[in-house]
Protein backbone atom coordinates (compact mmCIF):
# COMPACT_ATOMS: atom_id res chain seq x y z
CA MET A 1 -1.15 9.01 -18.90
CA PRO A 2 -1.86 6.18 -16.54
CA LEU A 3 -0.60 6.35 -13.01
CA GLU A 4 2.70 4.55 -12.27
CA ILE A 5 2.61 2.47 -9.02
CA VAL A 6 5.82 3.25 -7.10
CA GLN A 7 7.73 0.37 -5.68
CA ALA A 8 9.20 -0.32 -2.17
CA GLY A 9 12.19 1.96 -1.55
CA ASP A 10 10.48 5.09 -2.68
CA PRO A 11 10.50 7.47 0.19
CA VAL A 12 6.70 8.35 -0.28
CA LEU A 13 5.91 4.84 0.88
CA ARG A 14 7.50 5.41 4.21
CA GLN A 15 6.12 8.72 5.32
CA PRO A 16 2.74 9.52 6.99
CA SER A 17 0.40 11.14 4.42
CA ARG A 18 -1.34 14.45 5.00
CA LEU A 19 -5.01 14.86 5.63
CA LEU A 20 -7.22 16.30 2.90
CA THR A 21 -9.47 19.30 3.47
CA ALA A 22 -13.16 19.28 2.42
CA GLU A 23 -12.21 21.82 -0.30
CA GLU A 24 -9.47 19.75 -1.68
CA ILE A 25 -11.74 16.58 -1.72
CA ARG A 26 -14.32 18.40 -3.88
CA ALA A 27 -11.78 19.92 -6.21
CA HIS A 28 -11.20 18.63 -9.80
CA LYS A 29 -7.66 17.54 -9.01
CA ILE A 30 -8.59 15.02 -6.32
CA GLN A 31 -11.67 13.85 -8.10
CA GLN A 32 -9.53 13.15 -11.16
CA LEU A 33 -6.84 11.36 -8.91
CA ILE A 34 -9.65 9.16 -7.63
CA GLU A 35 -10.54 8.08 -11.06
CA GLU A 36 -7.03 7.59 -12.11
CA MET A 37 -6.34 5.37 -8.96
CA ARG A 38 -9.43 3.39 -9.82
CA GLU A 39 -8.12 2.73 -13.23
CA ALA A 40 -4.69 1.90 -11.96
CA MET A 41 -5.97 -0.52 -9.23
CA ARG A 42 -8.24 -2.32 -11.88
CA SER A 43 -5.34 -2.56 -14.49
CA ALA A 44 -2.76 -3.96 -12.03
CA PRO A 45 -5.14 -5.73 -10.99
CA GLY A 46 -5.46 -5.23 -7.25
CA VAL A 47 -8.10 -4.85 -4.62
CA GLY A 48 -6.81 -1.53 -3.05
CA LEU A 49 -4.57 1.31 -3.88
CA ALA A 50 -3.42 4.18 -1.64
CA ALA A 51 -2.34 7.58 -2.91
CA PRO A 52 1.27 7.12 -1.76
CA GLN A 53 1.52 4.17 -4.12
CA ALA A 54 0.82 6.58 -6.87
CA GLY A 55 3.39 8.91 -5.52
CA TYR A 56 1.09 11.34 -3.66
CA PRO A 57 1.38 11.65 0.18
CA LEU A 58 -2.34 12.08 0.77
CA GLN A 59 -4.78 10.37 3.02
CA LEU A 60 -6.72 8.82 0.15
CA ALA A 61 -7.27 5.14 -0.68
CA VAL A 62 -9.54 3.26 -3.05
CA ILE A 63 -10.87 -0.35 -2.57
CA GLU A 64 -12.66 -2.73 -4.75
CA ASP A 65 -12.77 -6.53 -4.46
CA ARG A 66 -14.52 -7.68 -7.69
CA ALA A 67 -16.36 -11.01 -7.94
CA ASP A 68 -14.21 -11.99 -10.85
CA TYR A 69 -11.23 -11.81 -8.68
CA HIS A 70 -12.61 -14.72 -6.72
CA GLN A 71 -12.91 -17.13 -9.62
CA LYS A 72 -9.63 -19.05 -8.90
CA LEU A 73 -10.51 -19.59 -5.18
CA THR A 74 -12.41 -22.62 -4.04
CA ALA A 75 -15.57 -22.22 -2.07
CA SER A 76 -13.85 -23.43 1.02
CA GLN A 77 -10.96 -20.91 0.49
CA LEU A 78 -13.59 -18.06 0.10
CA ALA A 79 -15.37 -19.11 3.30
CA GLU A 80 -12.05 -19.44 5.19
CA ARG A 81 -11.04 -15.87 4.15
CA GLU A 82 -14.49 -14.52 4.64
CA ARG A 83 -14.10 -12.98 1.18
CA ARG A 84 -17.01 -11.54 -0.66
CA PRO A 85 -17.22 -8.75 -3.29
CA VAL A 86 -16.67 -5.32 -2.12
CA PRO A 87 -18.08 -2.55 -4.31
CA PHE A 88 -15.70 0.46 -5.23
CA GLN A 89 -15.21 2.69 -2.35
CA VAL A 90 -13.10 5.73 -1.55
CA LEU A 91 -11.60 6.18 1.90
CA ILE A 92 -10.32 9.73 2.68
CA ASN A 93 -8.65 10.56 5.98
CA PRO A 94 -9.47 7.03 7.37
CA THR A 95 -9.01 5.97 11.04
CA ILE A 96 -9.49 2.56 12.44
CA VAL A 97 -11.30 3.40 15.57
CA SER A 98 -11.69 -0.19 16.89
CA ARG A 99 -10.36 -3.68 16.22
CA SER A 100 -11.48 -7.11 17.08
CA ASP A 101 -9.22 -9.22 19.45
CA GLN A 102 -9.56 -12.00 16.87
CA SER A 103 -7.10 -12.12 14.13
CA ARG A 104 -6.49 -14.22 11.08
CA THR A 105 -3.27 -14.95 9.12
CA PHE A 106 -3.30 -15.20 5.31
CA PHE A 107 -0.87 -14.44 2.44
CA GLU A 108 -0.95 -10.79 1.58
CA GLY A 109 0.65 -9.01 -1.31
CA CYS A 110 1.06 -5.39 -2.48
CA LEU A 111 1.20 -3.64 -5.72
CA SER A 112 4.20 -1.71 -4.43
CA LEU A 113 6.05 -4.97 -3.76
CA ALA A 114 5.28 -6.52 -7.03
CA GLY A 115 5.81 -10.30 -7.28
CA TYR A 116 5.99 -10.99 -3.59
CA CYS A 117 3.79 -11.96 -0.63
CA ALA A 118 3.89 -13.14 2.88
CA LEU A 119 1.65 -14.26 5.67
CA VAL A 120 0.35 -11.33 7.61
CA PRO A 121 -1.91 -11.51 10.83
CA ARG A 122 -4.71 -8.95 10.72
CA SER A 123 -7.60 -8.14 12.90
CA LEU A 124 -10.76 -10.10 11.83
CA SER A 125 -12.86 -7.11 11.96
CA VAL A 126 -12.50 -3.35 12.28
CA ARG A 127 -14.54 -0.14 12.51
CA VAL A 128 -13.24 2.58 10.16
CA GLU A 129 -14.29 6.16 10.08
CA TYR A 130 -13.49 8.25 6.85
CA LEU A 131 -14.74 10.74 4.43
CA ASP A 132 -16.21 9.52 1.16
CA GLU A 133 -15.45 11.04 -2.25
CA GLN A 134 -17.82 13.85 -1.62
CA GLY A 135 -16.31 14.71 1.72
CA ALA A 136 -19.26 13.27 3.67
CA PRO A 137 -18.29 11.53 6.99
CA ARG A 138 -18.78 7.86 7.11
CA SER A 139 -18.33 5.01 9.55
CA GLN A 140 -18.23 1.31 8.56
CA ASP A 141 -17.84 -1.92 10.27
CA VAL A 142 -15.97 -4.32 8.06
CA THR A 143 -15.03 -8.05 8.54
CA GLY A 144 -13.02 -10.74 6.88
CA TRP A 145 -11.13 -10.01 3.73
CA HIS A 146 -12.62 -6.53 3.50
CA ALA A 147 -11.15 -5.75 6.95
CA ARG A 148 -7.71 -6.97 5.75
CA ILE A 149 -7.95 -4.64 2.69
CA VAL A 150 -8.94 -1.74 4.83
CA GLN A 151 -6.09 -2.38 7.38
CA HIS A 152 -3.59 -2.71 4.52
CA GLU A 153 -4.54 0.48 2.86
CA VAL A 154 -4.69 2.47 6.18
CA ASP A 155 -1.20 1.20 6.90
CA HIS A 156 0.05 2.77 3.55
CA LEU A 157 -1.30 6.14 4.65
CA GLN A 158 0.89 5.94 7.81
CA GLY A 159 3.96 4.79 5.86
CA THR A 160 3.70 1.10 6.85
CA LEU A 161 4.03 -1.71 4.43
CA TYR A 162 2.89 -5.27 4.95
CA ILE A 163 6.47 -6.50 5.24
CA ASP A 164 6.61 -4.57 8.56
CA ARG A 165 3.85 -6.81 9.92
CA MET A 166 4.54 -10.06 8.15
CA LEU A 167 5.69 -13.36 9.44
CA SER A 168 9.18 -12.99 7.98
CA ARG A 169 9.81 -16.74 7.34
CA SER A 170 6.84 -16.86 5.06
CA PHE A 171 8.09 -14.15 2.58
CA THR A 172 7.95 -15.65 -0.91
CA ASN A 173 7.76 -14.77 -4.59
CA LEU A 174 4.47 -15.46 -6.24
CA GLU A 175 6.01 -18.40 -8.24
CA ASN A 176 7.01 -20.25 -5.09
CA LEU A 177 3.66 -19.43 -3.54
CA ALA A 178 1.91 -21.22 -6.38
CA ARG A 179 4.37 -24.09 -6.31
CA HIS A 180 4.70 -24.79 -2.63
CA TRP A 181 2.08 -22.99 -0.44
CA LYS A 182 -1.08 -21.90 -2.29
CA ASP A 183 -3.27 -24.98 -1.56
CA LEU A 184 -2.05 -25.67 1.99
CA PRO A 185 -4.13 -24.55 5.01
CA VAL A 186 -2.38 -21.69 6.92
CA ARG A 187 -1.90 -23.72 9.91
CA GLU A 188 0.12 -26.37 8.05
CA ILE A 189 2.19 -23.68 6.45
CA LEU A 190 2.95 -22.16 9.74
CA GLU A 191 3.98 -25.70 11.14
CA ARG A 192 6.31 -26.22 8.16
CA LEU A 193 7.92 -22.88 8.64
CA LYS A 194 8.78 -23.33 12.25
């Protein structure tokens, strides 16, 4: 049975998740959960999914930004967002250990707030330390859209949703995003929302 993505209001989305041990990571149960999360993320479709979104308060997230998700974006939009394909990866017990002083603001959505999005400022680059799906320690410097995805998913593991960080006047449903805001530069959107 496919995983159900829980929606905002479910208490699991608002509590810090617990760390996984090396034994748990290698156990069949967690390996199966990783595969189920991958399928749920792809089916949604989304670029990231944290275990709390599947109802599990565990420090586990999956990320994948496939090239076919970029087809509706222009070359200039991809460049502005610094968005490039990101192969499937698993982040267990992740910690953001450094952030750039520079930030960028773009519309961001969430599978647990289906149908809505808002402008969210995020650090342009971060260094994240985590365990991979085998329990091996990893450290990665990520930039652009990849950094945005990592920050979003790590927030989930702390009980934080993008609505806690959003520019509240920009909150919109996807229909109105497409109708009014989608093709405008962020600076123009911010000016109109003053």
